[in-house]
Amino acid sequence: MRVKKFFGALIGMLLCFATVVSTAACSKTPSMTVTAEEWQTAFSAERFVNSKISVTFFIPDGVSYLEYVAADGVEYYHQTVVEGENIREDTSYSQRMENGYKMYEQQTNGWEISDYERSIFEVSGLSVMIEMFADNYESFTYDEAQNGYIFIVDETEMVVIFRCWFEEDTLSAWSYESIFILNESIDYTVYNVSVTFGGQQVEIPDLREA
């Protein structure tokens, strides 16, 4: 499934808990401080059954924009990748069924429909990324200069910064930055994520008209 492509490399880096260092203060509204229990609740999978996640993913050769929306057992996934003058867009929907999920992926000649055991939330790697934050409260420190929680990993030829922010006890955003230096070549990666809980609606389009 194409939704794997966007998060494939990202999840690999996250699983290694690697990569960026930034000394500039973040311009976001100062985050609230939360307890370990509030942190676990904020990152629990149940919170995301009705949610909207927006991601901007910067890479050396371009930028990718992702929108994920879930509501009432239906998911929407749209990704736009811009690399120079090339633009690629992918759109998928999924619907929870009695035994798994029905997946709808837009192709140039129509829609491809297939059965999956897992949701887009799981297949794309979003669930893994969120679980990693949920399980690492003790690794983060509230940093007033960054206006939020921060966790820095500094290893040979690799530095990484994770940040997240809370508003009214609710997770509102997180970010990831990385620098990887190998043979005098620098690979710099940044992604920014914002999330909205509740109030979402998703409808699968009439495929006969698509």
N, C-alpha and C. Protein backbone atom coordinates (compact mmCIF):
# COMPACT_ATOMS: atom_id res chain seq x y z
N MET A 1 0.84 -1.20 0.00
CA MET A 1 0.00 0.00 0.00
C MET A 1 0.87 1.24 0.00
N ARG A 2 0.51 2.27 -0.76
CA ARG A 2 1.35 3.43 -0.92
C ARG A 2 1.48 4.28 0.33
N VAL A 3 0.54 4.17 1.26
CA VAL A 3 0.67 4.96 2.49
C VAL A 3 1.90 4.53 3.28
N LYS A 4 2.43 3.36 2.99
CA LYS A 4 3.63 2.89 3.69
C LYS A 4 4.85 3.72 3.29
N LYS A 5 4.86 4.23 2.05
CA LYS A 5 6.04 4.89 1.54
C LYS A 5 6.41 6.12 2.35
N PHE A 6 5.41 6.91 2.71
CA PHE A 6 5.68 8.15 3.43
C PHE A 6 6.30 7.89 4.79
N PHE A 7 5.74 6.94 5.52
CA PHE A 7 6.18 6.72 6.88
C PHE A 7 7.25 5.64 7.00
N GLY A 8 7.54 4.94 5.90
CA GLY A 8 8.50 3.85 5.99
C GLY A 8 9.84 4.28 6.56
N ALA A 9 10.48 5.26 5.90
CA ALA A 9 11.77 5.75 6.38
C ALA A 9 11.61 6.46 7.71
N LEU A 10 10.51 7.18 7.89
CA LEU A 10 10.28 7.92 9.13
C LEU A 10 10.20 6.99 10.33
N ILE A 11 9.42 5.92 10.20
CA ILE A 11 9.29 4.97 11.31
C ILE A 11 10.62 4.29 11.59
N GLY A 12 11.38 3.99 10.54
CA GLY A 12 12.69 3.38 10.74
C GLY A 12 13.57 4.26 11.59
N MET A 13 13.56 5.57 11.31
CA MET A 13 14.37 6.49 12.10
C MET A 13 13.83 6.63 13.52
N LEU A 14 12.52 6.65 13.64
CA LEU A 14 11.93 6.79 14.97
C LEU A 14 12.22 5.57 15.83
N LEU A 15 12.19 4.38 15.23
CA LEU A 15 12.46 3.17 15.99
C LEU A 15 13.90 3.16 16.50
N CYS A 16 14.79 3.80 15.78
CA CYS A 16 16.17 3.92 16.25
C CYS A 16 16.30 5.06 17.25
N PHE A 17 15.25 5.83 17.42
CA PHE A 17 15.23 7.01 18.28
C PHE A 17 16.42 7.90 17.97
N ALA A 18 16.58 8.23 16.69
CA ALA A 18 17.73 9.01 16.31
C ALA A 18 17.34 10.35 15.73
N THR A 19 18.16 11.47 15.82
CA THR A 19 18.43 12.63 14.94
C THR A 19 17.99 14.07 15.20
N VAL A 20 18.37 15.73 15.58
CA VAL A 20 18.65 17.14 15.28
C VAL A 20 18.84 18.05 16.44
N VAL A 21 19.56 18.97 16.24
CA VAL A 21 19.76 19.85 17.36
C VAL A 21 19.44 21.27 16.91
N SER A 22 18.59 21.93 17.67
CA SER A 22 18.19 23.29 17.34
C SER A 22 18.21 24.12 18.60
N THR A 23 18.94 25.21 18.59
CA THR A 23 19.04 26.04 19.78
C THR A 23 18.06 27.20 19.78
N ALA A 24 17.41 27.42 18.64
CA ALA A 24 16.45 28.52 18.55
C ALA A 24 15.18 28.16 19.31
N ALA A 25 14.60 29.12 20.00
CA ALA A 25 13.36 28.87 20.74
C ALA A 25 12.21 28.67 19.76
N CYS A 26 11.34 27.72 20.09
CA CYS A 26 10.19 27.45 19.25
C CYS A 26 9.18 28.59 19.39
N SER A 27 8.50 28.92 18.30
CA SER A 27 7.57 30.05 18.31
C SER A 27 6.16 29.65 18.71
N LYS A 28 5.95 28.37 19.01
CA LYS A 28 4.61 27.93 19.37
C LYS A 28 4.17 28.51 20.71
N THR A 29 2.86 28.54 20.92
CA THR A 29 2.32 28.96 22.21
C THR A 29 2.87 28.03 23.29
N PRO A 30 3.29 28.57 24.43
CA PRO A 30 3.84 27.70 25.48
C PRO A 30 2.92 26.54 25.83
N SER A 31 3.51 25.38 25.95
CA SER A 31 2.76 24.17 26.26
C SER A 31 2.40 24.13 27.74
N MET A 32 1.34 23.38 28.04
CA MET A 32 1.05 23.05 29.44
C MET A 32 1.97 21.93 29.87
N THR A 33 2.22 21.83 31.18
CA THR A 33 2.92 20.66 31.70
C THR A 33 1.88 19.62 32.07
N VAL A 34 2.23 18.35 31.90
CA VAL A 34 1.28 17.27 32.15
C VAL A 34 1.94 16.19 33.00
N THR A 35 1.12 15.40 33.68
CA THR A 35 1.61 14.28 34.46
C THR A 35 1.83 13.08 33.55
N ALA A 36 2.46 12.05 34.07
CA ALA A 36 2.68 10.82 33.29
C ALA A 36 1.35 10.22 32.86
N GLU A 37 0.36 10.26 33.75
CA GLU A 37 -0.95 9.71 33.42
C GLU A 37 -1.62 10.52 32.31
N GLU A 38 -1.52 11.83 32.39
CA GLU A 38 -2.11 12.69 31.35
C GLU A 38 -1.39 12.48 30.02
N TRP A 39 -0.09 12.26 30.09
CA TRP A 39 0.70 11.99 28.89
C TRP A 39 0.21 10.70 28.23
N GLN A 40 0.08 9.63 29.00
CA GLN A 40 -0.38 8.35 28.47
C GLN A 40 -1.77 8.49 27.84
N THR A 41 -2.64 9.22 28.50
CA THR A 41 -3.99 9.43 27.98
C THR A 41 -3.95 10.19 26.66
N ALA A 42 -3.10 11.21 26.59
CA ALA A 42 -3.02 12.04 25.39
C ALA A 42 -2.58 11.24 24.18
N PHE A 43 -1.69 10.27 24.39
CA PHE A 43 -1.17 9.48 23.28
C PHE A 43 -1.86 8.13 23.13
N SER A 44 -2.94 7.89 23.84
CA SER A 44 -3.62 6.60 23.74
C SER A 44 -4.32 6.47 22.39
N ALA A 45 -4.32 5.27 21.85
CA ALA A 45 -4.92 5.03 20.53
C ALA A 45 -6.39 5.41 20.49
N GLU A 46 -7.08 5.26 21.63
CA GLU A 46 -8.51 5.57 21.68
C GLU A 46 -8.79 7.04 21.36
N ARG A 47 -7.82 7.91 21.66
CA ARG A 47 -8.02 9.34 21.39
C ARG A 47 -8.09 9.63 19.89
N PHE A 48 -7.53 8.74 19.08
CA PHE A 48 -7.39 9.03 17.66
C PHE A 48 -8.49 8.43 16.79
N VAL A 49 -9.50 7.80 17.39
CA VAL A 49 -10.57 7.21 16.59
C VAL A 49 -11.43 8.28 15.93
N ASN A 50 -11.44 9.48 16.50
CA ASN A 50 -12.06 10.64 15.85
C ASN A 50 -11.06 11.78 15.95
N SER A 51 -10.28 11.93 14.89
CA SER A 51 -9.20 12.91 14.94
C SER A 51 -8.77 13.31 13.53
N LYS A 52 -8.01 14.39 13.48
CA LYS A 52 -7.40 14.85 12.24
C LYS A 52 -5.92 15.10 12.51
N ILE A 53 -5.06 14.47 11.70
CA ILE A 53 -3.62 14.63 11.84
C ILE A 53 -3.08 15.24 10.55
N SER A 54 -2.37 16.35 10.69
CA SER A 54 -1.75 17.01 9.54
C SER A 54 -0.24 16.99 9.70
N VAL A 55 0.45 16.58 8.64
CA VAL A 55 1.90 16.44 8.70
C VAL A 55 2.55 17.19 7.55
N THR A 56 3.58 17.96 7.87
CA THR A 56 4.45 18.54 6.84
C THR A 56 5.83 17.91 7.03
N PHE A 57 6.32 17.28 5.98
CA PHE A 57 7.54 16.49 6.07
C PHE A 57 8.57 17.05 5.09
N PHE A 58 9.62 17.68 5.62
CA PHE A 58 10.66 18.29 4.79
C PHE A 58 11.83 17.33 4.65
N ILE A 59 12.28 17.16 3.41
CA ILE A 59 13.44 16.32 3.11
C ILE A 59 14.35 17.12 2.17
N PRO A 60 15.61 16.69 1.99
CA PRO A 60 16.53 17.47 1.15
C PRO A 60 16.01 17.75 -0.25
N ASP A 61 15.26 16.82 -0.83
CA ASP A 61 14.85 16.96 -2.22
C ASP A 61 13.43 17.49 -2.39
N GLY A 62 12.74 17.78 -1.28
CA GLY A 62 11.38 18.26 -1.46
C GLY A 62 10.60 18.32 -0.17
N VAL A 63 9.28 18.25 -0.30
CA VAL A 63 8.40 18.34 0.86
C VAL A 63 7.17 17.48 0.62
N SER A 64 6.63 16.92 1.68
CA SER A 64 5.43 16.09 1.58
C SER A 64 4.40 16.59 2.58
N TYR A 65 3.15 16.64 2.13
CA TYR A 65 2.04 17.07 2.99
C TYR A 65 1.08 15.89 3.15
N LEU A 66 0.72 15.61 4.37
CA LEU A 66 -0.16 14.49 4.64
C LEU A 66 -1.34 14.94 5.50
N GLU A 67 -2.52 14.45 5.16
CA GLU A 67 -3.69 14.67 6.00
C GLU A 67 -4.35 13.33 6.26
N TYR A 68 -4.60 13.05 7.52
CA TYR A 68 -5.28 11.83 7.94
C TYR A 68 -6.47 12.22 8.80
N VAL A 69 -7.65 11.69 8.46
CA VAL A 69 -8.86 11.98 9.23
C VAL A 69 -9.56 10.66 9.53
N ALA A 70 -10.02 10.50 10.76
CA ALA A 70 -10.75 9.29 11.16
C ALA A 70 -12.01 9.67 11.91
N ALA A 71 -13.11 8.97 11.59
CA ALA A 71 -14.38 9.21 12.28
C ALA A 71 -15.34 8.06 11.97
N ASP A 72 -15.99 7.54 13.01
CA ASP A 72 -17.04 6.53 12.85
C ASP A 72 -16.59 5.33 12.02
N GLY A 73 -15.36 4.87 12.25
CA GLY A 73 -14.88 3.68 11.56
C GLY A 73 -14.44 3.90 10.13
N VAL A 74 -14.41 5.15 9.67
CA VAL A 74 -13.97 5.48 8.32
C VAL A 74 -12.73 6.35 8.39
N GLU A 75 -11.75 6.08 7.51
CA GLU A 75 -10.51 6.84 7.50
C GLU A 75 -10.28 7.47 6.12
N TYR A 76 -9.65 8.64 6.13
CA TYR A 76 -9.26 9.34 4.91
C TYR A 76 -7.77 9.64 5.00
N TYR A 77 -7.06 9.40 3.91
CA TYR A 77 -5.62 9.63 3.87
C TYR A 77 -5.28 10.30 2.54
N HIS A 78 -4.64 11.46 2.61
CA HIS A 78 -4.23 12.15 1.38
C HIS A 78 -2.81 12.65 1.55
N GLN A 79 -1.98 12.35 0.57
CA GLN A 79 -0.58 12.75 0.61
C GLN A 79 -0.21 13.45 -0.69
N THR A 80 0.48 14.59 -0.56
CA THR A 80 1.02 15.30 -1.71
C THR A 80 2.53 15.38 -1.54
N VAL A 81 3.27 14.89 -2.53
CA VAL A 81 4.73 14.92 -2.50
C VAL A 81 5.22 15.86 -3.60
N VAL A 82 6.02 16.84 -3.20
CA VAL A 82 6.57 17.81 -4.16
C VAL A 82 8.08 17.64 -4.19
N GLU A 83 8.61 17.25 -5.35
CA GLU A 83 10.05 17.09 -5.54
C GLU A 83 10.43 17.86 -6.80
N GLY A 84 10.98 19.05 -6.61
CA GLY A 84 11.28 19.90 -7.75
C GLY A 84 10.00 20.28 -8.47
N GLU A 85 9.94 19.99 -9.77
CA GLU A 85 8.75 20.28 -10.56
C GLU A 85 7.76 19.12 -10.57
N ASN A 86 8.13 18.02 -9.92
CA ASN A 86 7.27 16.84 -9.90
C ASN A 86 6.35 16.86 -8.68
N ILE A 87 5.07 16.62 -8.92
CA ILE A 87 4.08 16.57 -7.85
C ILE A 87 3.30 15.26 -7.95
N ARG A 88 3.22 14.54 -6.85
CA ARG A 88 2.49 13.28 -6.83
C ARG A 88 1.47 13.32 -5.70
N GLU A 89 0.27 12.85 -5.98
CA GLU A 89 -0.78 12.84 -4.97
C GLU A 89 -1.36 11.43 -4.83
N ASP A 90 -1.58 11.01 -3.61
CA ASP A 90 -2.19 9.72 -3.32
C ASP A 90 -3.38 9.93 -2.39
N THR A 91 -4.49 9.26 -2.69
CA THR A 91 -5.67 9.37 -1.85
C THR A 91 -6.19 7.97 -1.54
N SER A 92 -6.49 7.72 -0.28
CA SER A 92 -7.03 6.42 0.14
C SER A 92 -8.11 6.62 1.19
N TYR A 93 -9.04 5.69 1.22
CA TYR A 93 -10.06 5.62 2.27
C TYR A 93 -10.07 4.20 2.82
N SER A 94 -10.52 4.05 4.04
CA SER A 94 -10.77 2.71 4.57
C SER A 94 -12.03 2.74 5.40
N GLN A 95 -12.69 1.59 5.44
CA GLN A 95 -13.91 1.46 6.22
C GLN A 95 -13.83 0.20 7.07
N ARG A 96 -14.10 0.33 8.36
CA ARG A 96 -14.05 -0.81 9.25
C ARG A 96 -15.20 -1.75 8.94
N MET A 97 -14.86 -3.03 8.74
CA MET A 97 -15.86 -4.05 8.45
C MET A 97 -15.91 -5.03 9.62
N GLU A 98 -16.73 -6.05 9.50
CA GLU A 98 -16.85 -7.04 10.58
C GLU A 98 -15.55 -7.79 10.80
N ASN A 99 -14.84 -8.10 9.71
CA ASN A 99 -13.58 -8.83 9.81
C ASN A 99 -12.47 -8.07 9.08
N GLY A 100 -12.07 -6.94 9.61
CA GLY A 100 -10.99 -6.19 8.99
C GLY A 100 -11.45 -4.87 8.40
N TYR A 101 -10.80 -4.48 7.31
CA TYR A 101 -11.05 -3.17 6.71
C TYR A 101 -11.15 -3.29 5.19
N LYS A 102 -12.04 -2.51 4.61
CA LYS A 102 -12.14 -2.37 3.18
C LYS A 102 -11.36 -1.12 2.79
N MET A 103 -10.36 -1.30 1.90
CA MET A 103 -9.50 -0.19 1.52
C MET A 103 -9.83 0.26 0.10
N TYR A 104 -9.88 1.59 -0.08
CA TYR A 104 -10.16 2.19 -1.38
C TYR A 104 -8.98 3.11 -1.72
N GLU A 105 -8.25 2.77 -2.79
CA GLU A 105 -7.10 3.56 -3.20
C GLU A 105 -7.33 4.12 -4.60
N GLN A 106 -7.19 5.43 -4.73
CA GLN A 106 -7.45 6.08 -6.01
C GLN A 106 -6.29 5.85 -6.97
N GLN A 107 -6.64 5.35 -8.17
CA GLN A 107 -5.67 5.13 -9.23
C GLN A 107 -5.99 6.06 -10.40
N THR A 108 -5.10 6.11 -11.37
CA THR A 108 -5.35 6.99 -12.53
C THR A 108 -6.57 6.55 -13.32
N ASN A 109 -6.89 5.27 -13.26
CA ASN A 109 -8.04 4.76 -14.03
C ASN A 109 -9.22 4.37 -13.13
N GLY A 110 -9.26 4.91 -11.93
CA GLY A 110 -10.38 4.60 -11.05
C GLY A 110 -9.90 4.24 -9.65
N TRP A 111 -10.71 3.43 -8.96
CA TRP A 111 -10.40 3.06 -7.58
C TRP A 111 -10.05 1.59 -7.49
N GLU A 112 -9.02 1.30 -6.71
CA GLU A 112 -8.65 -0.09 -6.40
C GLU A 112 -9.20 -0.42 -5.03
N ILE A 113 -9.99 -1.49 -4.95
CA ILE A 113 -10.63 -1.87 -3.70
C ILE A 113 -10.03 -3.19 -3.22
N SER A 114 -9.62 -3.23 -1.97
CA SER A 114 -9.00 -4.44 -1.43
C SER A 114 -9.33 -4.59 0.04
N ASP A 115 -9.09 -5.78 0.57
CA ASP A 115 -9.35 -6.06 1.98
C ASP A 115 -8.05 -6.05 2.76
N TYR A 116 -8.09 -5.43 3.93
CA TYR A 116 -6.93 -5.36 4.82
C TYR A 116 -7.34 -5.82 6.21
N GLU A 117 -6.38 -6.42 6.91
CA GLU A 117 -6.64 -6.80 8.30
C GLU A 117 -6.47 -5.62 9.24
N ARG A 118 -5.69 -4.60 8.80
CA ARG A 118 -5.40 -3.47 9.66
C ARG A 118 -5.89 -2.17 9.02
N SER A 119 -6.03 -1.15 9.86
CA SER A 119 -6.51 0.15 9.41
C SER A 119 -5.38 0.96 8.78
N ILE A 120 -5.72 2.08 8.13
CA ILE A 120 -4.70 2.99 7.62
C ILE A 120 -3.85 3.53 8.77
N PHE A 121 -4.48 3.78 9.89
CA PHE A 121 -3.78 4.27 11.08
C PHE A 121 -2.63 3.33 11.45
N GLU A 122 -2.85 2.03 11.29
CA GLU A 122 -1.82 1.05 11.61
C GLU A 122 -0.86 0.84 10.45
N VAL A 123 -1.39 0.67 9.25
CA VAL A 123 -0.57 0.37 8.07
C VAL A 123 0.42 1.49 7.77
N SER A 124 -0.01 2.74 7.95
CA SER A 124 0.84 3.89 7.64
C SER A 124 1.97 4.08 8.63
N GLY A 125 1.86 3.46 9.80
CA GLY A 125 2.88 3.63 10.83
C GLY A 125 2.54 4.70 11.85
N LEU A 126 1.42 5.38 11.69
CA LEU A 126 1.02 6.40 12.65
C LEU A 126 0.87 5.81 14.06
N SER A 127 0.29 4.64 14.14
CA SER A 127 0.08 4.03 15.46
C SER A 127 1.39 3.73 16.15
N VAL A 128 2.40 3.26 15.40
CA VAL A 128 3.71 2.95 15.97
C VAL A 128 4.37 4.22 16.49
N MET A 129 4.30 5.28 15.69
CA MET A 129 4.90 6.54 16.09
C MET A 129 4.28 7.07 17.38
N ILE A 130 2.97 7.00 17.47
CA ILE A 130 2.26 7.51 18.65
C ILE A 130 2.56 6.65 19.87
N GLU A 131 2.63 5.33 19.70
CA GLU A 131 2.96 4.44 20.80
C GLU A 131 4.35 4.74 21.35
N MET A 132 5.26 5.12 20.47
CA MET A 132 6.62 5.42 20.91
C MET A 132 6.64 6.64 21.83
N PHE A 133 5.86 7.66 21.47
CA PHE A 133 5.76 8.82 22.35
C PHE A 133 5.10 8.41 23.67
N ALA A 134 4.03 7.64 23.60
CA ALA A 134 3.28 7.25 24.79
C ALA A 134 4.14 6.53 25.81
N ASP A 135 5.09 5.74 25.33
CA ASP A 135 5.90 4.91 26.22
C ASP A 135 7.17 5.60 26.71
N ASN A 136 7.36 6.88 26.38
CA ASN A 136 8.64 7.51 26.71
C ASN A 136 8.49 8.84 27.45
N TYR A 137 7.49 8.92 28.30
CA TYR A 137 7.29 10.15 29.09
C TYR A 137 8.55 10.52 29.88
N GLU A 138 9.18 9.53 30.49
CA GLU A 138 10.34 9.78 31.34
C GLU A 138 11.54 10.30 30.55
N SER A 139 11.53 10.09 29.22
CA SER A 139 12.65 10.55 28.40
C SER A 139 12.56 12.04 28.07
N PHE A 140 11.36 12.61 28.22
CA PHE A 140 11.14 14.01 27.86
C PHE A 140 11.28 14.93 29.07
N THR A 141 11.74 16.15 28.80
CA THR A 141 11.86 17.18 29.81
C THR A 141 11.16 18.44 29.32
N TYR A 142 10.42 19.08 30.22
CA TYR A 142 9.78 20.34 29.83
C TYR A 142 10.85 21.42 29.73
N ASP A 143 10.91 22.08 28.57
CA ASP A 143 11.93 23.08 28.30
C ASP A 143 11.25 24.42 28.01
N GLU A 144 11.42 25.39 28.90
CA GLU A 144 10.77 26.68 28.71
C GLU A 144 11.29 27.40 27.47
N ALA A 145 12.55 27.23 27.14
CA ALA A 145 13.11 27.88 25.95
C ALA A 145 12.46 27.36 24.67
N GLN A 146 12.06 26.08 24.69
CA GLN A 146 11.42 25.47 23.53
C GLN A 146 9.90 25.55 23.62
N ASN A 147 9.39 26.03 24.75
CA ASN A 147 7.95 26.15 24.97
C ASN A 147 7.23 24.79 24.92
N GLY A 148 7.92 23.73 25.23
CA GLY A 148 7.27 22.42 25.18
C GLY A 148 8.20 21.33 25.70
N TYR A 149 7.75 20.09 25.57
CA TYR A 149 8.54 18.94 25.99
C TYR A 149 9.56 18.59 24.91
N ILE A 150 10.73 18.21 25.34
CA ILE A 150 11.80 17.95 24.38
C ILE A 150 12.63 16.75 24.81
N PHE A 151 13.07 16.00 23.82
CA PHE A 151 13.96 14.86 24.05
C PHE A 151 15.02 14.90 22.98
N ILE A 152 16.29 14.93 23.37
CA ILE A 152 17.39 15.04 22.43
C ILE A 152 18.26 13.79 22.49
N VAL A 153 18.59 13.25 21.33
CA VAL A 153 19.53 12.13 21.23
C VAL A 153 20.72 12.64 20.43
N ASP A 154 21.90 12.47 20.95
CA ASP A 154 23.12 12.92 20.28
C ASP A 154 24.06 11.73 20.18
N GLU A 155 24.24 11.23 18.96
CA GLU A 155 25.11 10.08 18.75
C GLU A 155 26.14 10.42 17.67
N THR A 156 27.06 9.51 17.44
CA THR A 156 28.08 9.72 16.42
C THR A 156 27.45 9.97 15.07
N GLU A 157 27.77 11.12 14.48
CA GLU A 157 27.29 11.50 13.15
C GLU A 157 25.78 11.64 13.08
N MET A 158 25.11 11.70 14.23
CA MET A 158 23.65 11.76 14.21
C MET A 158 23.13 12.51 15.42
N VAL A 159 22.20 13.40 15.20
CA VAL A 159 21.56 14.12 16.30
C VAL A 159 20.06 14.15 16.04
N VAL A 160 19.28 14.07 17.12
CA VAL A 160 17.83 14.04 16.95
C VAL A 160 17.10 14.82 18.03
N ILE A 161 16.05 15.55 17.64
CA ILE A 161 15.22 16.26 18.62
C ILE A 161 13.76 15.90 18.38
N PHE A 162 13.09 15.48 19.45
CA PHE A 162 11.65 15.29 19.43
C PHE A 162 11.02 16.36 20.32
N ARG A 163 9.95 16.97 19.88
CA ARG A 163 9.25 17.95 20.70
C ARG A 163 7.75 17.64 20.66
N CYS A 164 7.04 18.00 21.72
CA CYS A 164 5.59 17.91 21.69
C CYS A 164 4.99 18.97 22.60
N TRP A 165 3.76 19.37 22.29
CA TRP A 165 3.09 20.45 22.99
C TRP A 165 1.68 20.02 23.41
N PHE A 166 1.24 20.57 24.52
CA PHE A 166 -0.09 20.28 25.05
C PHE A 166 -0.84 21.58 25.29
N GLU A 167 -2.12 21.56 25.00
CA GLU A 167 -2.98 22.70 25.27
C GLU A 167 -4.22 22.19 26.00
N GLU A 168 -4.48 22.73 27.18
CA GLU A 168 -5.62 22.33 28.00
C GLU A 168 -5.63 20.82 28.22
N ASP A 169 -4.48 20.29 28.62
CA ASP A 169 -4.30 18.85 28.89
C ASP A 169 -4.44 17.98 27.65
N THR A 170 -4.50 18.59 26.47
CA THR A 170 -4.69 17.83 25.24
C THR A 170 -3.48 17.98 24.33
N LEU A 171 -3.02 16.87 23.80
CA LEU A 171 -1.93 16.89 22.84
C LEU A 171 -2.33 17.75 21.65
N SER A 172 -1.48 18.69 21.24
CA SER A 172 -1.83 19.56 20.12
C SER A 172 -0.87 19.44 18.94
N ALA A 173 0.39 19.10 19.21
CA ALA A 173 1.35 19.02 18.11
C ALA A 173 2.62 18.33 18.57
N TRP A 174 3.38 17.82 17.60
CA TRP A 174 4.71 17.33 17.89
C TRP A 174 5.58 17.52 16.66
N SER A 175 6.89 17.45 16.85
CA SER A 175 7.81 17.65 15.73
C SER A 175 9.03 16.76 15.89
N TYR A 176 9.72 16.59 14.78
CA TYR A 176 10.91 15.75 14.73
C TYR A 176 11.89 16.41 13.77
N GLU A 177 13.15 16.51 14.18
CA GLU A 177 14.18 17.06 13.30
C GLU A 177 15.39 16.14 13.36
N SER A 178 16.07 16.00 12.25
CA SER A 178 17.24 15.12 12.27
C SER A 178 18.36 15.64 11.37
N ILE A 179 19.58 15.41 11.82
CA ILE A 179 20.77 15.65 11.01
C ILE A 179 21.58 14.36 11.03
N PHE A 180 21.92 13.89 9.82
CA PHE A 180 22.72 12.68 9.70
C PHE A 180 23.90 13.02 8.80
N ILE A 181 25.12 12.85 9.31
CA ILE A 181 26.32 13.22 8.57
C ILE A 181 27.11 11.95 8.25
N LEU A 182 27.37 11.74 6.97
CA LEU A 182 28.12 10.56 6.54
C LEU A 182 29.00 10.95 5.36
N ASN A 183 30.30 10.70 5.49
CA ASN A 183 31.25 11.00 4.42
C ASN A 183 31.10 12.43 3.91
N GLU A 184 31.04 13.38 4.87
CA GLU A 184 30.95 14.81 4.57
C GLU A 184 29.64 15.20 3.89
N SER A 185 28.69 14.29 3.83
CA SER A 185 27.37 14.59 3.27
C SER A 185 26.39 14.76 4.43
N ILE A 186 25.55 15.79 4.37
CA ILE A 186 24.61 16.09 5.43
C ILE A 186 23.18 15.83 4.95
N ASP A 187 22.47 15.00 5.67
CA ASP A 187 21.07 14.70 5.36
C ASP A 187 20.22 15.31 6.47
N TYR A 188 19.41 16.31 6.12
CA TYR A 188 18.61 17.04 7.11
C TYR A 188 17.13 16.76 6.87
N THR A 189 16.45 16.34 7.91
CA THR A 189 15.04 15.97 7.80
C THR A 189 14.24 16.66 8.90
N VAL A 190 13.06 17.16 8.55
CA VAL A 190 12.18 17.80 9.52
C VAL A 190 10.74 17.38 9.25
N TYR A 191 9.99 17.06 10.28
CA TYR A 191 8.56 16.93 10.10
C TYR A 191 7.84 17.60 11.25
N ASN A 192 6.71 18.22 10.93
CA ASN A 192 5.88 18.89 11.92
C ASN A 192 4.48 18.30 11.85
N VAL A 193 3.91 18.03 13.01
CA VAL A 193 2.61 17.36 13.09
C VAL A 193 1.68 18.18 13.97
N SER A 194 0.44 18.37 13.52
CA SER A 194 -0.59 18.96 14.37
C SER A 194 -1.76 18.00 14.41
N VAL A 195 -2.48 17.99 15.52
CA VAL A 195 -3.58 17.04 15.68
C VAL A 195 -4.79 17.73 16.30
N THR A 196 -5.97 17.37 15.82
CA THR A 196 -7.23 17.86 16.36
C THR A 196 -8.07 16.66 16.77
N PHE A 197 -8.60 16.67 17.97
CA PHE A 197 -9.41 15.55 18.45
C PHE A 197 -10.89 15.94 18.42
N GLY A 198 -11.71 15.01 17.89
CA GLY A 198 -13.15 15.21 17.89
C GLY A 198 -13.64 16.12 16.77
N GLY A 199 -14.95 16.03 16.53
CA GLY A 199 -15.59 16.90 15.55
C GLY A 199 -15.32 16.57 14.10
N GLN A 200 -14.78 15.37 13.82
CA GLN A 200 -14.43 15.02 12.44
C GLN A 200 -15.52 14.19 11.78
N GLN A 201 -15.62 14.30 10.46
CA GLN A 201 -16.54 13.50 9.66
C GLN A 201 -15.83 13.05 8.39
N VAL A 202 -16.03 11.80 8.03
CA VAL A 202 -15.42 11.26 6.81
C VAL A 202 -16.47 10.47 6.06
N GLU A 203 -16.59 10.72 4.77
CA GLU A 203 -17.50 9.94 3.93
C GLU A 203 -16.74 9.42 2.71
N ILE A 204 -16.91 8.15 2.43
CA ILE A 204 -16.29 7.56 1.24
C ILE A 204 -17.08 8.05 0.03
N PRO A 205 -16.40 8.58 -0.99
CA PRO A 205 -17.12 9.12 -2.16
C PRO A 205 -17.85 8.03 -2.94
N ASP A 206 -18.83 8.44 -3.70
CA ASP A 206 -19.55 7.53 -4.57
C ASP A 206 -18.59 7.09 -5.67
N LEU A 207 -18.14 5.83 -5.60
CA LEU A 207 -17.13 5.37 -6.53
C LEU A 207 -17.63 5.32 -7.97
N ARG A 208 -18.92 5.31 -8.16
CA ARG A 208 -19.46 5.31 -9.52
C ARG A 208 -19.23 6.66 -10.20
N GLU A 209 -19.07 7.72 -9.38
CA GLU A 209 -18.86 9.05 -9.93
C GLU A 209 -17.40 9.46 -9.91
N ALA A 210 -16.56 8.65 -9.26
CA ALA A 210 -15.14 9.01 -9.10
C ALA A 210 -14.38 8.76 -10.40
